[in-house]
Amino acid sequence: FCDANAVPYQIVLTKTDKAGKVASEKCKSETVSATAKRGACIARVCAT
C-alpha cells in the first residue's frame, strides 16, 4: 500500500532481545533483502 501510494516508510525490528542475537541478525538480513527493491522503502533497517 505504501509503495503504491508513495508513502515513505522504514522497517524497524522490535524485541531483538527476545529473539536472540543470531535470530535477530538473520531476521534483519532477510528483511533487508525483502525490502531492497521496494519503491517507497528507506533502505536502512533499524534493529531495536
All heavy atoms as atom14 arrays in JSON, in Angstrom:
{
  "sequence": "FCDANAVPYQIVLTKTDKAGKVASEKCKSETVSATAKRGACIARVCAT",
  "atom14_mask": [
    [1, 1, 1, 1, 1, 1, 1, 1, 1, 1, 1, 0, 0, 0],
    [1, 1, 1, 1, 1, 1, 0, 0, 0, 0, 0, 0, 0, 0],
    [1, 1, 1, 1, 1, 1, 1, 1, 0, 0, 0, 0, 0, 0],
    [1, 1, 1, 1, 1, 0, 0, 0, 0, 0, 0, 0, 0, 0],
    [1, 1, 1, 1, 1, 1, 1, 1, 0, 0, 0, 0, 0, 0],
    [1, 1, 1, 1, 1, 0, 0, 0, 0, 0, 0, 0, 0, 0],
    [1, 1, 1, 1, 1, 1, 1, 0, 0, 0, 0, 0, 0, 0],
    [1, 1, 1, 1, 1, 1, 1, 0, 0, 0, 0, 0, 0, 0],
    [1, 1, 1, 1, 1, 1, 1, 1, 1, 1, 1, 1, 0, 0],
    [1, 1, 1, 1, 1, 1, 1, 1, 1, 0, 0, 0, 0, 0],
    [1, 1, 1, 1, 1, 1, 1, 1, 0, 0, 0, 0, 0, 0],
    [1, 1, 1, 1, 1, 1, 1, 0, 0, 0, 0, 0, 0, 0],
    [1, 1, 1, 1, 1, 1, 1, 1, 0, 0, 0, 0, 0, 0],
    [1, 1, 1, 1, 1, 1, 1, 0, 0, 0, 0, 0, 0, 0],
    [1, 1, 1, 1, 1, 1, 1, 1, 1, 0, 0, 0, 0, 0],
    [1, 1, 1, 1, 1, 1, 1, 0, 0, 0, 0, 0, 0, 0],
    [1, 1, 1, 1, 1, 1, 1, 1, 0, 0, 0, 0, 0, 0],
    [1, 1, 1, 1, 1, 1, 1, 1, 1, 0, 0, 0, 0, 0],
    [1, 1, 1, 1, 1, 0, 0, 0, 0, 0, 0, 0, 0, 0],
    [1, 1, 1, 1, 0, 0, 0, 0, 0, 0, 0, 0, 0, 0],
    [1, 1, 1, 1, 1, 1, 1, 1, 1, 0, 0, 0, 0, 0],
    [1, 1, 1, 1, 1, 1, 1, 0, 0, 0, 0, 0, 0, 0],
    [1, 1, 1, 1, 1, 0, 0, 0, 0, 0, 0, 0, 0, 0],
    [1, 1, 1, 1, 1, 1, 0, 0, 0, 0, 0, 0, 0, 0],
    [1, 1, 1, 1, 1, 1, 1, 1, 1, 0, 0, 0, 0, 0],
    [1, 1, 1, 1, 1, 1, 1, 1, 1, 0, 0, 0, 0, 0],
    [1, 1, 1, 1, 1, 1, 0, 0, 0, 0, 0, 0, 0, 0],
    [1, 1, 1, 1, 1, 1, 1, 1, 1, 0, 0, 0, 0, 0],
    [1, 1, 1, 1, 1, 1, 0, 0, 0, 0, 0, 0, 0, 0],
    [1, 1, 1, 1, 1, 1, 1, 1, 1, 0, 0, 0, 0, 0],
    [1, 1, 1, 1, 1, 1, 1, 0, 0, 0, 0, 0, 0, 0],
    [1, 1, 1, 1, 1, 1, 1, 0, 0, 0, 0, 0, 0, 0],
    [1, 1, 1, 1, 1, 1, 0, 0, 0, 0, 0, 0, 0, 0],
    [1, 1, 1, 1, 1, 0, 0, 0, 0, 0, 0, 0, 0, 0],
    [1, 1, 1, 1, 1, 1, 1, 0, 0, 0, 0, 0, 0, 0],
    [1, 1, 1, 1, 1, 0, 0, 0, 0, 0, 0, 0, 0, 0],
    [1, 1, 1, 1, 1, 1, 1, 1, 1, 0, 0, 0, 0, 0],
    [1, 1, 1, 1, 1, 1, 1, 1, 1, 1, 1, 0, 0, 0],
    [1, 1, 1, 1, 0, 0, 0, 0, 0, 0, 0, 0, 0, 0],
    [1, 1, 1, 1, 1, 0, 0, 0, 0, 0, 0, 0, 0, 0],
    [1, 1, 1, 1, 1, 1, 0, 0, 0, 0, 0, 0, 0, 0],
    [1, 1, 1, 1, 1, 1, 1, 1, 0, 0, 0, 0, 0, 0],
    [1, 1, 1, 1, 1, 0, 0, 0, 0, 0, 0, 0, 0, 0],
    [1, 1, 1, 1, 1, 1, 1, 1, 1, 1, 1, 0, 0, 0],
    [1, 1, 1, 1, 1, 1, 1, 0, 0, 0, 0, 0, 0, 0],
    [1, 1, 1, 1, 1, 1, 0, 0, 0, 0, 0, 0, 0, 0],
    [1, 1, 1, 1, 1, 0, 0, 0, 0, 0, 0, 0, 0, 0],
    [1, 1, 1, 1, 1, 1, 1, 0, 0, 0, 0, 0, 0, 0]
  ],
  "atom14_positions": [
    [[0.84, -1.2, 0.0], [0.0, 0.0, 0.0], [0.87, 1.25, 0.0], [0.64, 2.19, -0.76], [-0.94, 0.0, 1.22], [-1.83, 1.2, 1.28], [-3.04, 1.21, 0.6], [-1.46, 2.34, 1.98], [-3.86, 2.34, 0.63], [-2.27, 3.46, 2.03], [-3.48, 3.46, 1.34], [0.0, 0.0, 0.0], [0.0, 0.0, 0.0], [0.0, 0.0, 0.0]],
    [[1.88, 1.27, 0.85], [2.79, 2.43, 0.92], [3.54, 2.61, -0.4], [3.65, 3.74, -0.9], [3.78, 2.27, 2.08], [3.03, 2.48, 3.71], [0.0, 0.0, 0.0], [0.0, 0.0, 0.0], [0.0, 0.0, 0.0], [0.0, 0.0, 0.0], [0.0, 0.0, 0.0], [0.0, 0.0, 0.0], [0.0, 0.0, 0.0], [0.0, 0.0, 0.0]],
    [[4.03, 1.53, -0.99], [4.72, 1.62, -2.27], [3.79, 2.17, -3.36], [4.17, 3.06, -4.12], [5.25, 0.24, -2.71], [6.44, -0.23, -1.9], [7.2, 0.6, -1.38], [6.6, -1.47, -1.77], [0.0, 0.0, 0.0], [0.0, 0.0, 0.0], [0.0, 0.0, 0.0], [0.0, 0.0, 0.0], [0.0, 0.0, 0.0], [0.0, 0.0, 0.0]],
    [[2.56, 1.66, -3.41], [1.6, 2.08, -4.44], [1.19, 3.54, -4.28], [0.83, 4.2, -5.26], [0.36, 1.18, -4.39], [0.0, 0.0, 0.0], [0.0, 0.0, 0.0], [0.0, 0.0, 0.0], [0.0, 0.0, 0.0], [0.0, 0.0, 0.0], [0.0, 0.0, 0.0], [0.0, 0.0, 0.0], [0.0, 0.0, 0.0], [0.0, 0.0, 0.0]],
    [[1.25, 4.05, -3.04], [0.82, 5.42, -2.77], [1.97, 6.37, -2.46], [1.75, 7.48, -1.99], [-0.2, 5.42, -1.62], [-1.5, 4.79, -2.04], [-2.31, 5.41, -2.71], [-1.69, 3.53, -1.69], [0.0, 0.0, 0.0], [0.0, 0.0, 0.0], [0.0, 0.0, 0.0], [0.0, 0.0, 0.0], [0.0, 0.0, 0.0], [0.0, 0.0, 0.0]],
    [[3.2, 5.93, -2.71], [4.41, 6.74, -2.5], [4.49, 7.31, -1.08], [4.81, 8.48, -0.87], [4.5, 7.85, -3.53], [0.0, 0.0, 0.0], [0.0, 0.0, 0.0], [0.0, 0.0, 0.0], [0.0, 0.0, 0.0], [0.0, 0.0, 0.0], [0.0, 0.0, 0.0], [0.0, 0.0, 0.0], [0.0, 0.0, 0.0], [0.0, 0.0, 0.0]],
    [[4.18, 6.46, -0.09], [4.28, 6.85, 1.32], [5.62, 6.31, 1.83], [5.81, 5.09, 1.9], [3.12, 6.26, 2.16], [3.29, 6.6, 3.63], [1.78, 6.75, 1.63], [0.0, 0.0, 0.0], [0.0, 0.0, 0.0], [0.0, 0.0, 0.0], [0.0, 0.0, 0.0], [0.0, 0.0, 0.0], [0.0, 0.0, 0.0], [0.0, 0.0, 0.0]],
    [[6.59, 7.19, 2.15], [7.89, 6.71, 2.61], [7.8, 5.96, 3.93], [7.14, 6.42, 4.87], [8.73, 7.98, 2.77], [7.86, 9.13, 2.44], [6.49, 8.63, 2.13], [0.0, 0.0, 0.0], [0.0, 0.0, 0.0], [0.0, 0.0, 0.0], [0.0, 0.0, 0.0], [0.0, 0.0, 0.0], [0.0, 0.0, 0.0], [0.0, 0.0, 0.0]],
    [[8.46, 4.8, 3.98], [8.42, 4.0, 5.2], [9.78, 3.35, 5.43], [10.6, 3.24, 4.53], [7.31, 2.95, 5.14], [7.49, 1.9, 4.07], [8.07, 0.67, 4.36], [7.07, 2.14, 2.77], [8.23, -0.3, 3.38], [7.22, 1.18, 1.78], [7.81, -0.03, 2.09], [7.97, -0.98, 1.12], [0.0, 0.0, 0.0], [0.0, 0.0, 0.0]],
    [[9.98, 2.95, 6.68], [11.22, 2.29, 7.08], [10.88, 1.17, 8.04], [10.01, 1.34, 8.91], [12.15, 3.31, 7.75], [13.5, 2.75, 8.14], [14.44, 3.84, 8.64], [14.09, 5.01, 8.73], [15.65, 3.45, 8.98], [0.0, 0.0, 0.0], [0.0, 0.0, 0.0], [0.0, 0.0, 0.0], [0.0, 0.0, 0.0], [0.0, 0.0, 0.0]],
    [[11.55, 0.04, 7.9], [11.29, -1.11, 8.78], [12.1, -0.96, 10.06], [13.3, -0.66, 10.03], [11.65, -2.44, 8.09], [10.93, -2.58, 6.74], [11.37, -3.63, 9.01], [9.42, -2.6, 6.82], [0.0, 0.0, 0.0], [0.0, 0.0, 0.0], [0.0, 0.0, 0.0], [0.0, 0.0, 0.0], [0.0, 0.0, 0.0], [0.0, 0.0, 0.0]],
    [[11.43, -1.19, 11.18], [12.08, -1.21, 12.49], [11.78, -2.56, 13.13], [10.61, -2.89, 13.38], [11.58, -0.06, 13.41], [12.22, -0.16, 14.79], [11.83, 1.29, 12.77], [0.0, 0.0, 0.0], [0.0, 0.0, 0.0], [0.0, 0.0, 0.0], [0.0, 0.0, 0.0], [0.0, 0.0, 0.0], [0.0, 0.0, 0.0], [0.0, 0.0, 0.0]],
    [[12.82, -3.35, 13.34], [12.64, -4.63, 14.03], [12.56, -4.38, 15.52], [13.33, -3.6, 16.06], [13.8, -5.57, 13.71], [13.99, -5.94, 12.24], [15.23, -6.81, 12.06], [12.76, -6.63, 11.69], [0.0, 0.0, 0.0], [0.0, 0.0, 0.0], [0.0, 0.0, 0.0], [0.0, 0.0, 0.0], [0.0, 0.0, 0.0], [0.0, 0.0, 0.0]],
    [[11.63, -5.03, 16.18], [11.44, -4.87, 17.62], [11.75, -6.17, 18.35], [11.87, -7.23, 17.72], [9.98, -4.46, 17.94], [9.1, -5.5, 17.51], [9.61, -3.14, 17.26], [0.0, 0.0, 0.0], [0.0, 0.0, 0.0], [0.0, 0.0, 0.0], [0.0, 0.0, 0.0], [0.0, 0.0, 0.0], [0.0, 0.0, 0.0], [0.0, 0.0, 0.0]],
    [[11.88, -6.07, 19.63], [12.03, -7.22, 20.53], [13.25, -8.08, 20.17], [13.21, -9.31, 20.29], [10.75, -8.06, 20.56], [9.52, -7.24, 20.97], [8.27, -8.07, 21.03], [7.08, -7.2, 21.41], [5.85, -7.97, 21.57], [0.0, 0.0, 0.0], [0.0, 0.0, 0.0], [0.0, 0.0, 0.0], [0.0, 0.0, 0.0], [0.0, 0.0, 0.0]],
    [[14.35, -7.45, 19.74], [15.54, -8.22, 19.37], [16.13, -8.96, 20.56], [16.74, -10.01, 20.38], [16.61, -7.32, 18.73], [16.94, -6.27, 19.63], [16.12, -6.74, 17.41], [0.0, 0.0, 0.0], [0.0, 0.0, 0.0], [0.0, 0.0, 0.0], [0.0, 0.0, 0.0], [0.0, 0.0, 0.0], [0.0, 0.0, 0.0], [0.0, 0.0, 0.0]],
    [[15.93, -8.44, 21.77], [16.42, -9.12, 22.96], [15.71, -10.45, 23.18], [16.29, -11.4, 23.69], [16.27, -8.22, 24.19], [14.82, -7.81, 24.43], [14.18, -7.31, 23.49], [14.33, -8.0, 25.57], [0.0, 0.0, 0.0], [0.0, 0.0, 0.0], [0.0, 0.0, 0.0], [0.0, 0.0, 0.0], [0.0, 0.0, 0.0], [0.0, 0.0, 0.0]],
    [[14.46, -10.53, 22.77], [13.68, -11.76, 22.95], [13.99, -12.78, 21.85], [13.83, -13.98, 22.04], [12.2, -11.43, 22.99], [11.8, -10.63, 24.23], [10.33, -10.28, 24.2], [9.82, -9.57, 25.42], [10.68, -8.8, 26.21], [0.0, 0.0, 0.0], [0.0, 0.0, 0.0], [0.0, 0.0, 0.0], [0.0, 0.0, 0.0], [0.0, 0.0, 0.0]],
    [[14.42, -12.3, 20.69], [14.73, -13.18, 19.57], [16.1, -13.82, 19.72], [16.33, -14.93, 19.24], [14.67, -12.41, 18.26], [0.0, 0.0, 0.0], [0.0, 0.0, 0.0], [0.0, 0.0, 0.0], [0.0, 0.0, 0.0], [0.0, 0.0, 0.0], [0.0, 0.0, 0.0], [0.0, 0.0, 0.0], [0.0, 0.0, 0.0], [0.0, 0.0, 0.0]],
    [[17.01, -13.11, 20.35], [18.39, -13.59, 20.44], [19.21, -13.02, 19.3], [18.68, -12.65, 18.25], [0.0, 0.0, 0.0], [0.0, 0.0, 0.0], [0.0, 0.0, 0.0], [0.0, 0.0, 0.0], [0.0, 0.0, 0.0], [0.0, 0.0, 0.0], [0.0, 0.0, 0.0], [0.0, 0.0, 0.0], [0.0, 0.0, 0.0], [0.0, 0.0, 0.0]],
    [[20.5, -12.95, 19.5], [21.41, -12.29, 18.55], [21.39, -12.94, 17.16], [21.23, -12.26, 16.16], [22.82, -12.27, 19.12], [23.8, -11.51, 18.27], [25.15, -11.41, 18.96], [26.18, -10.82, 18.05], [26.38, -9.45, 18.08], [0.0, 0.0, 0.0], [0.0, 0.0, 0.0], [0.0, 0.0, 0.0], [0.0, 0.0, 0.0], [0.0, 0.0, 0.0]],
    [[21.55, -14.25, 17.09], [21.62, -14.93, 15.8], [20.29, -14.8, 15.05], [20.26, -14.44, 13.86], [22.0, -16.42, 15.97], [21.89, -17.18, 14.67], [23.41, -16.53, 16.55], [0.0, 0.0, 0.0], [0.0, 0.0, 0.0], [0.0, 0.0, 0.0], [0.0, 0.0, 0.0], [0.0, 0.0, 0.0], [0.0, 0.0, 0.0], [0.0, 0.0, 0.0]],
    [[19.18, -15.05, 15.73], [17.86, -14.98, 15.09], [17.54, -13.56, 14.64], [16.99, -13.35, 13.55], [16.79, -15.49, 16.03], [0.0, 0.0, 0.0], [0.0, 0.0, 0.0], [0.0, 0.0, 0.0], [0.0, 0.0, 0.0], [0.0, 0.0, 0.0], [0.0, 0.0, 0.0], [0.0, 0.0, 0.0], [0.0, 0.0, 0.0], [0.0, 0.0, 0.0]],
    [[17.88, -12.55, 15.46], [17.56, -11.17, 15.07], [18.44, -10.71, 13.92], [17.98, -9.98, 13.04], [17.6, -10.22, 16.26], [18.88, -10.15, 16.82], [0.0, 0.0, 0.0], [0.0, 0.0, 0.0], [0.0, 0.0, 0.0], [0.0, 0.0, 0.0], [0.0, 0.0, 0.0], [0.0, 0.0, 0.0], [0.0, 0.0, 0.0], [0.0, 0.0, 0.0]],
    [[19.69, -11.15, 13.87], [20.56, -10.8, 12.73], [20.07, -11.47, 11.45], [20.1, -10.87, 10.38], [22.02, -11.16, 13.04], [22.65, -10.18, 14.01], [24.12, -10.46, 14.3], [24.73, -11.29, 13.59], [24.64, -9.84, 15.24], [0.0, 0.0, 0.0], [0.0, 0.0, 0.0], [0.0, 0.0, 0.0], [0.0, 0.0, 0.0], [0.0, 0.0, 0.0]],
    [[19.61, -12.71, 11.56], [19.04, -13.4, 10.4], [17.78, -12.67, 9.92], [17.59, -12.46, 8.72], [18.71, -14.85, 10.76], [18.12, -15.65, 9.61], [17.83, -17.08, 10.02], [17.31, -17.84, 8.83], [16.07, -18.51, 9.06], [0.0, 0.0, 0.0], [0.0, 0.0, 0.0], [0.0, 0.0, 0.0], [0.0, 0.0, 0.0], [0.0, 0.0, 0.0]],
    [[16.93, -12.28, 10.86], [15.7, -11.56, 10.52], [16.05, -10.23, 9.83], [15.42, -9.86, 8.84], [14.87, -11.32, 11.77], [13.32, -10.46, 11.44], [0.0, 0.0, 0.0], [0.0, 0.0, 0.0], [0.0, 0.0, 0.0], [0.0, 0.0, 0.0], [0.0, 0.0, 0.0], [0.0, 0.0, 0.0], [0.0, 0.0, 0.0], [0.0, 0.0, 0.0]],
    [[17.06, -9.54, 10.35], [17.46, -8.26, 9.75], [17.95, -8.48, 8.32], [17.56, -7.75, 7.4], [18.53, -7.58, 10.59], [18.92, -6.21, 10.06], [19.87, -5.48, 10.99], [20.19, -4.09, 10.45], [21.06, -3.34, 11.36], [0.0, 0.0, 0.0], [0.0, 0.0, 0.0], [0.0, 0.0, 0.0], [0.0, 0.0, 0.0], [0.0, 0.0, 0.0]],
    [[18.77, -9.48, 8.1], [19.29, -9.78, 6.77], [18.16, -10.12, 5.79], [18.13, -9.63, 4.66], [20.29, -10.94, 6.86], [20.72, -11.33, 5.6], [0.0, 0.0, 0.0], [0.0, 0.0, 0.0], [0.0, 0.0, 0.0], [0.0, 0.0, 0.0], [0.0, 0.0, 0.0], [0.0, 0.0, 0.0], [0.0, 0.0, 0.0], [0.0, 0.0, 0.0]],
    [[17.23, -10.94, 6.24], [16.09, -11.33, 5.4], [15.21, -10.11, 5.09], [14.7, -9.97, 3.97], [15.27, -12.42, 6.08], [15.98, -13.76, 6.13], [15.25, -14.8, 6.98], [14.28, -14.45, 7.69], [15.68, -15.97, 6.95], [0.0, 0.0, 0.0], [0.0, 0.0, 0.0], [0.0, 0.0, 0.0], [0.0, 0.0, 0.0], [0.0, 0.0, 0.0]],
    [[15.05, -9.23, 6.07], [14.23, -8.02, 5.88], [14.89, -7.07, 4.9], [14.22, -6.51, 4.03], [13.98, -7.33, 7.23], [13.37, -8.27, 8.13], [13.07, -6.13, 7.08], [0.0, 0.0, 0.0], [0.0, 0.0, 0.0], [0.0, 0.0, 0.0], [0.0, 0.0, 0.0], [0.0, 0.0, 0.0], [0.0, 0.0, 0.0], [0.0, 0.0, 0.0]],
    [[16.2, -6.9, 5.01], [16.93, -6.04, 4.07], [16.74, -6.58, 2.65], [16.45, -5.82, 1.72], [18.44, -5.96, 4.45], [19.25, -5.35, 3.32], [18.61, -5.16, 5.73], [0.0, 0.0, 0.0], [0.0, 0.0, 0.0], [0.0, 0.0, 0.0], [0.0, 0.0, 0.0], [0.0, 0.0, 0.0], [0.0, 0.0, 0.0], [0.0, 0.0, 0.0]],
    [[16.86, -7.88, 2.47], [16.68, -8.5, 1.15], [15.25, -8.29, 0.64], [15.06, -7.98, -0.54], [16.99, -9.99, 1.2], [18.35, -10.2, 1.47], [0.0, 0.0, 0.0], [0.0, 0.0, 0.0], [0.0, 0.0, 0.0], [0.0, 0.0, 0.0], [0.0, 0.0, 0.0], [0.0, 0.0, 0.0], [0.0, 0.0, 0.0], [0.0, 0.0, 0.0]],
    [[14.28, -8.48, 1.51], [12.87, -8.38, 1.11], [12.44, -6.96, 0.78], [11.46, -6.76, 0.05], [11.98, -8.93, 2.23], [0.0, 0.0, 0.0], [0.0, 0.0, 0.0], [0.0, 0.0, 0.0], [0.0, 0.0, 0.0], [0.0, 0.0, 0.0], [0.0, 0.0, 0.0], [0.0, 0.0, 0.0], [0.0, 0.0, 0.0], [0.0, 0.0, 0.0]],
    [[13.16, -5.96, 1.28], [12.76, -4.57, 1.06], [13.64, -3.85, 0.05], [13.37, -2.71, -0.3], [12.78, -3.79, 2.39], [14.1, -3.85, 2.95], [11.77, -4.34, 3.38], [0.0, 0.0, 0.0], [0.0, 0.0, 0.0], [0.0, 0.0, 0.0], [0.0, 0.0, 0.0], [0.0, 0.0, 0.0], [0.0, 0.0, 0.0], [0.0, 0.0, 0.0]],
    [[14.68, -4.5, -0.43], [15.69, -3.85, -1.28], [15.11, -3.18, -2.53], [15.57, -2.11, -2.91], [16.77, -4.85, -1.67], [0.0, 0.0, 0.0], [0.0, 0.0, 0.0], [0.0, 0.0, 0.0], [0.0, 0.0, 0.0], [0.0, 0.0, 0.0], [0.0, 0.0, 0.0], [0.0, 0.0, 0.0], [0.0, 0.0, 0.0], [0.0, 0.0, 0.0]],
    [[14.14, -3.77, -3.15], [13.62, -3.22, -4.41], [12.27, -2.55, -4.26], [11.59, -2.32, -5.25], [13.56, -4.33, -5.45], [14.95, -4.84, -5.8], [14.93, -5.76, -6.97], [16.26, -6.25, -7.19], [17.18, -6.59, -7.79], [0.0, 0.0, 0.0], [0.0, 0.0, 0.0], [0.0, 0.0, 0.0], [0.0, 0.0, 0.0], [0.0, 0.0, 0.0]],
    [[11.9, -2.22, -3.05], [10.61, -1.57, -2.84], [10.77, -0.07, -3.03], [11.68, 0.54, -2.47], [10.06, -1.9, -1.46], [9.61, -3.35, -1.4], [8.94, -3.63, -0.08], [8.19, -4.87, -0.15], [6.91, -4.95, -0.5], [6.25, -3.87, -0.81], [6.3, -6.11, -0.53], [0.0, 0.0, 0.0], [0.0, 0.0, 0.0], [0.0, 0.0, 0.0]],
    [[9.86, 0.53, -3.78], [9.98, 1.93, -4.18], [9.94, 2.97, -3.07], [10.68, 3.94, -3.1], [0.0, 0.0, 0.0], [0.0, 0.0, 0.0], [0.0, 0.0, 0.0], [0.0, 0.0, 0.0], [0.0, 0.0, 0.0], [0.0, 0.0, 0.0], [0.0, 0.0, 0.0], [0.0, 0.0, 0.0], [0.0, 0.0, 0.0], [0.0, 0.0, 0.0]],
    [[9.09, 2.8, -2.08], [8.93, 3.83, -1.05], [9.69, 3.5, 0.24], [9.66, 4.27, 1.2], [7.45, 4.03, -0.73], [0.0, 0.0, 0.0], [0.0, 0.0, 0.0], [0.0, 0.0, 0.0], [0.0, 0.0, 0.0], [0.0, 0.0, 0.0], [0.0, 0.0, 0.0], [0.0, 0.0, 0.0], [0.0, 0.0, 0.0], [0.0, 0.0, 0.0]],
    [[10.39, 2.37, 0.25], [11.06, 1.92, 1.48], [12.44, 2.55, 1.63], [13.24, 2.55, 0.7], [11.19, 0.4, 1.46], [11.81, -0.3, 3.01], [0.0, 0.0, 0.0], [0.0, 0.0, 0.0], [0.0, 0.0, 0.0], [0.0, 0.0, 0.0], [0.0, 0.0, 0.0], [0.0, 0.0, 0.0], [0.0, 0.0, 0.0], [0.0, 0.0, 0.0]],
    [[12.71, 3.1, 2.82], [14.05, 3.59, 3.17], [14.89, 2.33, 3.41], [14.48, 1.44, 4.15], [14.02, 4.46, 4.45], [13.2, 5.75, 4.39], [15.43, 4.86, 4.87], [12.54, 6.28, 3.31], [0.0, 0.0, 0.0], [0.0, 0.0, 0.0], [0.0, 0.0, 0.0], [0.0, 0.0, 0.0], [0.0, 0.0, 0.0], [0.0, 0.0, 0.0]],
    [[16.08, 2.28, 2.83], [16.88, 1.06, 2.83], [17.37, 0.61, 4.21], [17.58, -0.57, 4.42], [18.08, 1.23, 1.9], [0.0, 0.0, 0.0], [0.0, 0.0, 0.0], [0.0, 0.0, 0.0], [0.0, 0.0, 0.0], [0.0, 0.0, 0.0], [0.0, 0.0, 0.0], [0.0, 0.0, 0.0], [0.0, 0.0, 0.0], [0.0, 0.0, 0.0]],
    [[17.56, 1.51, 5.14], [18.13, 1.14, 6.45], [17.07, 0.45, 7.32], [15.99, 0.98, 7.53], [18.65, 2.39, 7.16], [19.8, 3.05, 6.43], [20.2, 4.38, 7.06], [19.13, 5.36, 7.18], [18.7, 6.13, 6.19], [19.23, 6.04, 4.99], [17.73, 7.01, 6.39], [0.0, 0.0, 0.0], [0.0, 0.0, 0.0], [0.0, 0.0, 0.0]],
    [[17.41, -0.7, 7.85], [16.55, -1.42, 8.78], [17.13, -1.22, 10.18], [18.29, -1.5, 10.42], [16.48, -2.93, 8.45], [15.73, -3.69, 9.52], [15.85, -3.15, 7.08], [0.0, 0.0, 0.0], [0.0, 0.0, 0.0], [0.0, 0.0, 0.0], [0.0, 0.0, 0.0], [0.0, 0.0, 0.0], [0.0, 0.0, 0.0], [0.0, 0.0, 0.0]],
    [[16.31, -0.7, 11.09], [16.75, -0.5, 12.49], [16.35, -1.73, 13.3], [15.23, -2.2, 13.2], [16.07, 0.72, 13.1], [16.59, 2.29, 12.41], [0.0, 0.0, 0.0], [0.0, 0.0, 0.0], [0.0, 0.0, 0.0], [0.0, 0.0, 0.0], [0.0, 0.0, 0.0], [0.0, 0.0, 0.0], [0.0, 0.0, 0.0], [0.0, 0.0, 0.0]],
    [[17.28, -2.23, 14.1], [17.0, -3.36, 14.99], [16.99, -2.81, 16.42], [17.97, -2.22, 16.86], [18.06, -4.43, 14.83], [0.0, 0.0, 0.0], [0.0, 0.0, 0.0], [0.0, 0.0, 0.0], [0.0, 0.0, 0.0], [0.0, 0.0, 0.0], [0.0, 0.0, 0.0], [0.0, 0.0, 0.0], [0.0, 0.0, 0.0], [0.0, 0.0, 0.0]],
    [[15.87, -3.0, 17.12], [15.71, -2.36, 18.43], [15.21, -3.33, 19.5], [14.62, -4.37, 19.2], [14.68, -1.21, 18.36], [13.39, -1.75, 18.04], [15.06, -0.17, 17.31], [0.0, 0.0, 0.0], [0.0, 0.0, 0.0], [0.0, 0.0, 0.0], [0.0, 0.0, 0.0], [0.0, 0.0, 0.0], [0.0, 0.0, 0.0], [0.0, 0.0, 0.0]]
  ]
}
